[in-house]
Amino acid sequence: MNPPARPPAVHYESVVETLPAGRRAVAVLDRDDRQVGSLEFQVCHPCRIGYIGNIAVAAHWQGQGIGRHALHLALAAGAGYTWSTSRQSSAGRRFFAAMEDETGTAFPPDGTRCPHMNPHIGWHAALWRRKVIREPEDDQDRCPETP
């Protein structure tokens, strides 16, 4: 599965929060570094589970493949893992159905998380303190092994 070509006029920053179960975000920024979209997700490597918490693209940027590319970046963090999402709007259901066809990865809206994922920690904290991650270390953001 090759990610789509990056749409022009935006760039992407990977954000990693130093919390259990690999809480992460992809911030989509325009040429002036204004945020025009984001995708917030978690990855648990020991359980091989990924969870999409939120995906949003500003209305005037929609339809250009921005959310699609951000989702491919998230999937790369948990290739071959089982994924799920939070509740989906009607537009979200259409988006995730199209992405399921494209990637072969199911995105059920049942919100399945492993025990390492804490649903009570706010998602947006990582985006407010974003930092570019160039080359993550192998053990970075891996949750502790369960006994």
N, C-alpha and C. Protein backbone atom coordinates (compact mmCIF):
# COMPACT_ATOMS: atom_id res chain seq x y z
N MET A 1 0.85 -1.17 0.00
CA MET A 1 0.00 0.00 0.00
C MET A 1 0.89 1.23 0.00
N ASN A 2 0.87 1.96 -1.08
CA ASN A 2 1.64 3.20 -1.19
C ASN A 2 0.75 4.37 -0.85
N PRO A 3 1.23 5.31 -0.03
CA PRO A 3 0.42 6.48 0.27
C PRO A 3 0.25 7.32 -0.99
N PRO A 4 -0.83 8.07 -1.07
CA PRO A 4 -1.05 8.92 -2.23
C PRO A 4 -0.02 10.04 -2.27
N ALA A 5 0.14 10.61 -3.43
CA ALA A 5 1.03 11.77 -3.56
C ALA A 5 0.53 12.88 -2.67
N ARG A 6 1.45 13.61 -2.04
CA ARG A 6 1.05 14.69 -1.14
C ARG A 6 0.43 15.82 -1.95
N PRO A 7 -0.75 16.29 -1.52
CA PRO A 7 -1.36 17.42 -2.21
C PRO A 7 -0.48 18.66 -2.11
N PRO A 8 -0.47 19.48 -3.14
CA PRO A 8 0.33 20.71 -3.09
C PRO A 8 -0.25 21.70 -2.08
N ALA A 9 0.55 22.63 -1.67
CA ALA A 9 0.15 23.77 -0.84
C ALA A 9 -0.05 23.44 0.63
N VAL A 10 0.19 22.22 1.06
CA VAL A 10 0.14 21.90 2.48
C VAL A 10 1.34 21.04 2.82
N HIS A 11 1.65 20.99 4.11
CA HIS A 11 2.66 20.04 4.58
C HIS A 11 2.15 19.42 5.87
N TYR A 12 2.76 18.33 6.24
CA TYR A 12 2.28 17.53 7.36
C TYR A 12 3.35 17.46 8.43
N GLU A 13 2.93 17.52 9.69
CA GLU A 13 3.82 17.33 10.82
C GLU A 13 3.28 16.18 11.65
N SER A 14 4.15 15.24 11.99
CA SER A 14 3.76 14.18 12.90
C SER A 14 3.99 14.68 14.32
N VAL A 15 3.02 14.45 15.17
CA VAL A 15 3.10 14.88 16.56
C VAL A 15 2.99 13.63 17.42
N VAL A 16 3.90 13.47 18.35
CA VAL A 16 3.88 12.33 19.25
C VAL A 16 3.81 12.83 20.68
N GLU A 17 2.83 12.40 21.41
CA GLU A 17 2.67 12.74 22.81
C GLU A 17 3.34 11.64 23.62
N THR A 18 4.06 11.99 24.64
CA THR A 18 4.77 11.00 25.44
C THR A 18 3.83 10.40 26.48
N LEU A 19 2.78 9.76 26.02
CA LEU A 19 1.81 9.10 26.87
C LEU A 19 1.75 7.63 26.47
N PRO A 20 1.17 6.78 27.29
CA PRO A 20 1.06 5.37 26.93
C PRO A 20 0.29 5.17 25.64
N ALA A 21 0.57 4.07 25.01
CA ALA A 21 -0.14 3.60 23.82
C ALA A 21 -0.01 4.53 22.63
N GLY A 22 1.08 5.24 22.52
CA GLY A 22 1.40 5.97 21.31
C GLY A 22 0.38 6.98 20.84
N ARG A 23 -0.11 7.84 21.72
CA ARG A 23 -1.02 8.90 21.31
C ARG A 23 -0.29 9.80 20.33
N ARG A 24 -0.89 10.02 19.17
CA ARG A 24 -0.22 10.76 18.10
C ARG A 24 -1.21 11.67 17.39
N ALA A 25 -0.66 12.56 16.59
CA ALA A 25 -1.50 13.41 15.74
C ALA A 25 -0.72 13.75 14.48
N VAL A 26 -1.45 14.01 13.43
CA VAL A 26 -0.88 14.54 12.21
C VAL A 26 -1.51 15.92 12.04
N ALA A 27 -0.70 16.95 12.06
CA ALA A 27 -1.18 18.31 11.85
C ALA A 27 -0.96 18.67 10.38
N VAL A 28 -1.98 19.19 9.73
CA VAL A 28 -1.89 19.61 8.33
C VAL A 28 -1.81 21.13 8.32
N LEU A 29 -0.73 21.66 7.74
CA LEU A 29 -0.47 23.09 7.79
C LEU A 29 -0.39 23.66 6.38
N ASP A 30 -0.90 24.88 6.21
CA ASP A 30 -0.79 25.52 4.90
C ASP A 30 0.59 26.16 4.76
N ARG A 31 0.81 26.87 3.67
CA ARG A 31 2.14 27.45 3.40
C ARG A 31 2.57 28.45 4.48
N ASP A 32 1.61 29.04 5.17
CA ASP A 32 1.91 30.01 6.22
C ASP A 32 1.92 29.37 7.61
N ASP A 33 1.99 28.05 7.66
CA ASP A 33 1.99 27.28 8.91
C ASP A 33 0.71 27.43 9.73
N ARG A 34 -0.39 27.75 9.08
CA ARG A 34 -1.69 27.76 9.76
C ARG A 34 -2.28 26.35 9.65
N GLN A 35 -2.81 25.87 10.76
CA GLN A 35 -3.37 24.52 10.75
C GLN A 35 -4.69 24.51 9.99
N VAL A 36 -4.78 23.63 8.99
CA VAL A 36 -5.99 23.51 8.18
C VAL A 36 -6.63 22.13 8.33
N GLY A 37 -5.99 21.26 9.10
CA GLY A 37 -6.55 19.93 9.33
C GLY A 37 -5.75 19.19 10.38
N SER A 38 -6.33 18.11 10.86
CA SER A 38 -5.63 17.28 11.83
C SER A 38 -6.24 15.89 11.85
N LEU A 39 -5.43 14.96 12.26
CA LEU A 39 -5.89 13.59 12.49
C LEU A 39 -5.26 13.15 13.80
N GLU A 40 -6.07 12.74 14.75
CA GLU A 40 -5.61 12.33 16.07
C GLU A 40 -5.84 10.84 16.22
N PHE A 41 -4.81 10.11 16.68
CA PHE A 41 -4.94 8.66 16.75
C PHE A 41 -4.04 8.09 17.84
N GLN A 42 -4.26 6.83 18.16
CA GLN A 42 -3.44 6.09 19.10
C GLN A 42 -3.01 4.79 18.45
N VAL A 43 -1.84 4.32 18.85
CA VAL A 43 -1.32 3.04 18.38
C VAL A 43 -0.77 2.29 19.59
N CYS A 44 -1.19 1.05 19.77
CA CYS A 44 -0.63 0.19 20.80
C CYS A 44 0.10 -0.94 20.09
N HIS A 45 1.43 -0.92 20.18
CA HIS A 45 2.23 -1.92 19.47
C HIS A 45 2.10 -3.33 20.06
N PRO A 46 2.12 -3.51 21.39
CA PRO A 46 1.98 -4.87 21.92
C PRO A 46 0.64 -5.51 21.54
N CYS A 47 -0.43 -4.72 21.52
CA CYS A 47 -1.76 -5.26 21.19
C CYS A 47 -2.07 -5.20 19.70
N ARG A 48 -1.24 -4.49 18.93
CA ARG A 48 -1.42 -4.35 17.48
C ARG A 48 -2.79 -3.76 17.13
N ILE A 49 -3.12 -2.66 17.85
CA ILE A 49 -4.39 -1.97 17.66
C ILE A 49 -4.14 -0.49 17.39
N GLY A 50 -4.88 0.07 16.44
CA GLY A 50 -4.87 1.49 16.17
C GLY A 50 -6.27 2.06 16.32
N TYR A 51 -6.35 3.30 16.74
CA TYR A 51 -7.65 3.95 17.00
C TYR A 51 -7.60 5.38 16.47
N ILE A 52 -8.52 5.71 15.58
CA ILE A 52 -8.64 7.08 15.06
C ILE A 52 -9.62 7.83 15.97
N GLY A 53 -9.12 8.84 16.66
CA GLY A 53 -9.97 9.61 17.57
C GLY A 53 -10.71 10.73 16.89
N ASN A 54 -10.06 11.39 15.93
CA ASN A 54 -10.70 12.53 15.27
C ASN A 54 -9.94 12.82 13.98
N ILE A 55 -10.69 13.21 12.97
CA ILE A 55 -10.09 13.70 11.73
C ILE A 55 -10.91 14.90 11.28
N ALA A 56 -10.23 15.97 10.93
CA ALA A 56 -10.92 17.19 10.53
C ALA A 56 -10.08 17.93 9.50
N VAL A 57 -10.75 18.47 8.49
CA VAL A 57 -10.11 19.31 7.48
C VAL A 57 -11.02 20.52 7.28
N ALA A 58 -10.43 21.72 7.27
CA ALA A 58 -11.21 22.95 7.07
C ALA A 58 -12.03 22.82 5.78
N ALA A 59 -13.23 23.36 5.81
CA ALA A 59 -14.18 23.18 4.70
C ALA A 59 -13.59 23.55 3.34
N HIS A 60 -12.89 24.66 3.25
CA HIS A 60 -12.37 25.09 1.94
C HIS A 60 -11.16 24.28 1.48
N TRP A 61 -10.65 23.37 2.32
CA TRP A 61 -9.54 22.48 1.94
C TRP A 61 -10.03 21.06 1.66
N GLN A 62 -11.31 20.78 1.91
CA GLN A 62 -11.82 19.43 1.72
C GLN A 62 -11.87 19.06 0.24
N GLY A 63 -11.82 17.76 -0.03
CA GLY A 63 -11.91 17.26 -1.39
C GLY A 63 -10.59 17.30 -2.15
N GLN A 64 -9.48 17.58 -1.46
CA GLN A 64 -8.18 17.67 -2.12
C GLN A 64 -7.24 16.54 -1.71
N GLY A 65 -7.74 15.55 -0.98
CA GLY A 65 -6.91 14.42 -0.58
C GLY A 65 -6.12 14.64 0.69
N ILE A 66 -6.39 15.73 1.41
CA ILE A 66 -5.63 16.05 2.61
C ILE A 66 -5.90 15.04 3.73
N GLY A 67 -7.17 14.76 4.01
CA GLY A 67 -7.52 13.78 5.03
C GLY A 67 -7.06 12.38 4.64
N ARG A 68 -7.17 12.08 3.39
CA ARG A 68 -6.73 10.80 2.85
C ARG A 68 -5.24 10.59 3.10
N HIS A 69 -4.44 11.59 2.79
CA HIS A 69 -3.00 11.47 2.99
C HIS A 69 -2.67 11.38 4.48
N ALA A 70 -3.34 12.15 5.31
CA ALA A 70 -3.11 12.09 6.76
C ALA A 70 -3.43 10.70 7.29
N LEU A 71 -4.50 10.08 6.80
CA LEU A 71 -4.85 8.74 7.25
C LEU A 71 -3.78 7.72 6.83
N HIS A 72 -3.24 7.86 5.63
CA HIS A 72 -2.15 6.98 5.20
C HIS A 72 -0.94 7.12 6.12
N LEU A 73 -0.65 8.34 6.56
CA LEU A 73 0.46 8.55 7.50
C LEU A 73 0.19 7.84 8.82
N ALA A 74 -1.04 7.90 9.31
CA ALA A 74 -1.39 7.22 10.56
C ALA A 74 -1.27 5.71 10.39
N LEU A 75 -1.79 5.19 9.29
CA LEU A 75 -1.74 3.74 9.07
C LEU A 75 -0.31 3.22 9.01
N ALA A 76 0.60 4.03 8.54
CA ALA A 76 2.01 3.62 8.48
C ALA A 76 2.58 3.36 9.87
N ALA A 77 2.03 4.02 10.88
CA ALA A 77 2.50 3.83 12.26
C ALA A 77 2.04 2.50 12.84
N GLY A 78 1.03 1.88 12.21
CA GLY A 78 0.51 0.60 12.69
C GLY A 78 0.12 -0.28 11.52
N ALA A 79 1.04 -0.47 10.61
CA ALA A 79 0.75 -1.28 9.42
C ALA A 79 0.38 -2.71 9.83
N GLY A 80 -0.72 -3.17 9.28
CA GLY A 80 -1.18 -4.53 9.57
C GLY A 80 -1.95 -4.66 10.88
N TYR A 81 -2.14 -3.55 11.60
CA TYR A 81 -2.86 -3.59 12.86
C TYR A 81 -4.37 -3.58 12.62
N THR A 82 -5.13 -3.88 13.67
CA THR A 82 -6.59 -3.74 13.65
C THR A 82 -6.90 -2.30 14.03
N TRP A 83 -7.74 -1.64 13.24
CA TRP A 83 -8.07 -0.23 13.48
C TRP A 83 -9.56 -0.07 13.75
N SER A 84 -9.90 0.96 14.50
CA SER A 84 -11.28 1.36 14.68
C SER A 84 -11.31 2.88 14.82
N THR A 85 -12.50 3.44 14.86
CA THR A 85 -12.66 4.89 14.98
C THR A 85 -13.66 5.21 16.07
N SER A 86 -13.71 6.49 16.39
CA SER A 86 -14.76 6.97 17.27
C SER A 86 -16.06 7.01 16.46
N ARG A 87 -17.12 7.49 17.07
CA ARG A 87 -18.37 7.60 16.32
C ARG A 87 -18.14 8.39 15.04
N GLN A 88 -18.88 8.06 14.01
CA GLN A 88 -18.68 8.70 12.72
C GLN A 88 -19.93 9.45 12.29
N SER A 89 -19.72 10.64 11.74
CA SER A 89 -20.81 11.40 11.13
C SER A 89 -21.14 10.74 9.80
N SER A 90 -22.16 11.20 9.12
CA SER A 90 -22.48 10.63 7.81
C SER A 90 -21.34 10.87 6.82
N ALA A 91 -20.72 12.06 6.88
CA ALA A 91 -19.56 12.33 6.01
C ALA A 91 -18.40 11.42 6.40
N GLY A 92 -18.21 11.20 7.69
CA GLY A 92 -17.16 10.32 8.17
C GLY A 92 -17.37 8.88 7.71
N ARG A 93 -18.62 8.42 7.74
CA ARG A 93 -18.91 7.06 7.27
C ARG A 93 -18.56 6.91 5.79
N ARG A 94 -18.86 7.92 4.98
CA ARG A 94 -18.50 7.87 3.56
C ARG A 94 -16.98 7.88 3.38
N PHE A 95 -16.30 8.74 4.15
CA PHE A 95 -14.84 8.82 4.06
C PHE A 95 -14.20 7.49 4.44
N PHE A 96 -14.59 6.93 5.59
CA PHE A 96 -13.96 5.69 6.04
C PHE A 96 -14.33 4.50 5.15
N ALA A 97 -15.52 4.50 4.55
CA ALA A 97 -15.88 3.44 3.60
C ALA A 97 -14.96 3.52 2.37
N ALA A 98 -14.72 4.72 1.88
CA ALA A 98 -13.83 4.89 0.73
C ALA A 98 -12.40 4.48 1.09
N MET A 99 -11.97 4.84 2.31
CA MET A 99 -10.61 4.48 2.74
C MET A 99 -10.48 2.98 2.96
N GLU A 100 -11.55 2.34 3.41
CA GLU A 100 -11.53 0.89 3.57
C GLU A 100 -11.33 0.22 2.21
N ASP A 101 -12.05 0.71 1.19
CA ASP A 101 -11.89 0.18 -0.16
C ASP A 101 -10.47 0.40 -0.68
N GLU A 102 -9.92 1.57 -0.42
CA GLU A 102 -8.59 1.92 -0.92
C GLU A 102 -7.47 1.16 -0.22
N THR A 103 -7.58 1.01 1.11
CA THR A 103 -6.47 0.46 1.89
C THR A 103 -6.63 -1.01 2.25
N GLY A 104 -7.86 -1.52 2.18
CA GLY A 104 -8.11 -2.89 2.63
C GLY A 104 -8.14 -3.01 4.14
N THR A 105 -8.18 -1.89 4.84
CA THR A 105 -8.23 -1.84 6.31
C THR A 105 -9.63 -1.45 6.74
N ALA A 106 -10.21 -2.22 7.65
CA ALA A 106 -11.54 -1.90 8.16
C ALA A 106 -11.43 -0.79 9.21
N PHE A 107 -12.42 0.09 9.24
CA PHE A 107 -12.48 1.18 10.22
C PHE A 107 -13.85 1.18 10.91
N PRO A 108 -14.14 0.15 11.71
CA PRO A 108 -15.45 0.12 12.36
C PRO A 108 -15.59 1.25 13.37
N PRO A 109 -16.81 1.81 13.48
CA PRO A 109 -17.02 2.95 14.40
C PRO A 109 -17.35 2.53 15.82
N ASP A 110 -16.87 1.37 16.26
CA ASP A 110 -17.22 0.91 17.60
C ASP A 110 -16.27 1.40 18.67
N GLY A 111 -15.19 2.06 18.28
CA GLY A 111 -14.28 2.64 19.26
C GLY A 111 -13.49 1.64 20.07
N THR A 112 -13.14 0.50 19.50
CA THR A 112 -12.39 -0.52 20.22
C THR A 112 -11.01 0.00 20.59
N ARG A 113 -10.68 -0.10 21.86
CA ARG A 113 -9.36 0.30 22.37
C ARG A 113 -8.83 -0.84 23.24
N CYS A 114 -7.53 -0.90 23.34
CA CYS A 114 -6.93 -1.90 24.23
C CYS A 114 -6.84 -1.31 25.64
N PRO A 115 -6.48 -2.13 26.63
CA PRO A 115 -6.38 -1.63 28.01
C PRO A 115 -5.30 -0.56 28.20
N HIS A 116 -4.34 -0.47 27.27
CA HIS A 116 -3.27 0.52 27.40
C HIS A 116 -3.70 1.92 26.98
N MET A 117 -4.81 2.02 26.30
CA MET A 117 -5.27 3.31 25.77
C MET A 117 -6.18 3.98 26.78
N ASN A 118 -5.84 5.18 27.18
CA ASN A 118 -6.61 5.92 28.17
C ASN A 118 -7.56 6.87 27.44
N PRO A 119 -8.87 6.58 27.46
CA PRO A 119 -9.82 7.45 26.76
C PRO A 119 -10.10 8.77 27.47
N HIS A 120 -9.58 8.95 28.68
CA HIS A 120 -9.92 10.14 29.46
C HIS A 120 -8.91 11.28 29.32
N ILE A 121 -7.85 11.07 28.57
CA ILE A 121 -6.86 12.12 28.36
C ILE A 121 -7.25 12.88 27.10
N GLY A 122 -7.26 14.21 27.17
CA GLY A 122 -7.70 15.03 26.04
C GLY A 122 -6.86 14.83 24.79
N TRP A 123 -7.52 14.77 23.66
CA TRP A 123 -6.85 14.56 22.38
C TRP A 123 -6.07 15.78 21.94
N HIS A 124 -6.57 16.95 22.18
CA HIS A 124 -6.01 18.14 21.54
C HIS A 124 -4.71 18.64 22.18
N ALA A 125 -4.32 18.07 23.31
CA ALA A 125 -3.09 18.52 23.96
C ALA A 125 -1.88 18.39 23.05
N ALA A 126 -1.81 17.30 22.29
CA ALA A 126 -0.66 17.09 21.41
C ALA A 126 -0.59 18.15 20.32
N LEU A 127 -1.71 18.56 19.80
CA LEU A 127 -1.70 19.54 18.72
C LEU A 127 -1.30 20.93 19.20
N TRP A 128 -1.63 21.24 20.44
CA TRP A 128 -1.26 22.56 20.97
C TRP A 128 0.22 22.63 21.26
N ARG A 129 0.84 21.49 21.55
CA ARG A 129 2.27 21.45 21.84
C ARG A 129 2.99 20.67 20.76
N ARG A 130 2.61 20.90 19.52
CA ARG A 130 3.15 20.06 18.45
C ARG A 130 4.66 20.24 18.29
N LYS A 131 5.26 19.16 17.90
CA LYS A 131 6.69 19.17 17.62
C LYS A 131 6.92 18.23 16.45
N VAL A 132 7.80 18.58 15.57
CA VAL A 132 8.06 17.75 14.41
C VAL A 132 8.90 16.56 14.84
N ILE A 133 8.48 15.40 14.44
CA ILE A 133 9.21 14.19 14.73
C ILE A 133 9.91 13.77 13.44
N ARG A 134 11.21 13.83 13.44
CA ARG A 134 11.96 13.51 12.24
C ARG A 134 12.09 12.01 12.03
N GLU A 135 12.69 11.31 12.96
CA GLU A 135 12.92 9.88 12.84
C GLU A 135 12.73 9.28 14.21
N PRO A 136 11.53 8.76 14.55
CA PRO A 136 11.31 8.24 15.89
C PRO A 136 12.20 7.03 16.17
N GLU A 137 12.61 6.91 17.42
CA GLU A 137 13.39 5.76 17.83
C GLU A 137 12.49 4.54 17.89
N ASP A 138 13.08 3.36 17.81
CA ASP A 138 12.29 2.13 17.78
C ASP A 138 11.37 1.98 18.98
N ASP A 139 11.83 2.34 20.17
CA ASP A 139 11.02 2.15 21.37
C ASP A 139 10.15 3.35 21.71
N GLN A 140 10.24 4.41 20.93
CA GLN A 140 9.49 5.62 21.24
C GLN A 140 7.99 5.34 21.16
N ASP A 141 7.25 5.77 22.15
CA ASP A 141 5.81 5.66 22.21
C ASP A 141 5.27 4.25 22.23
N ARG A 142 6.05 3.33 22.71
CA ARG A 142 5.54 1.98 22.87
C ARG A 142 5.03 1.84 24.31
N CYS A 143 3.85 1.30 24.43
CA CYS A 143 3.30 1.14 25.78
C CYS A 143 3.99 -0.05 26.44
N PRO A 144 4.02 -0.05 27.77
CA PRO A 144 4.71 -1.12 28.47
C PRO A 144 4.07 -2.48 28.19
N GLU A 145 4.90 -3.48 28.14
CA GLU A 145 4.38 -4.84 27.93
C GLU A 145 3.51 -5.23 29.12
N THR A 146 2.44 -5.90 28.84
CA THR A 146 1.57 -6.37 29.93
C THR A 146 2.12 -7.67 30.47
N PRO A 147 1.94 -7.94 31.77
CA PRO A 147 2.47 -9.18 32.35
C PRO A 147 1.76 -10.40 31.79
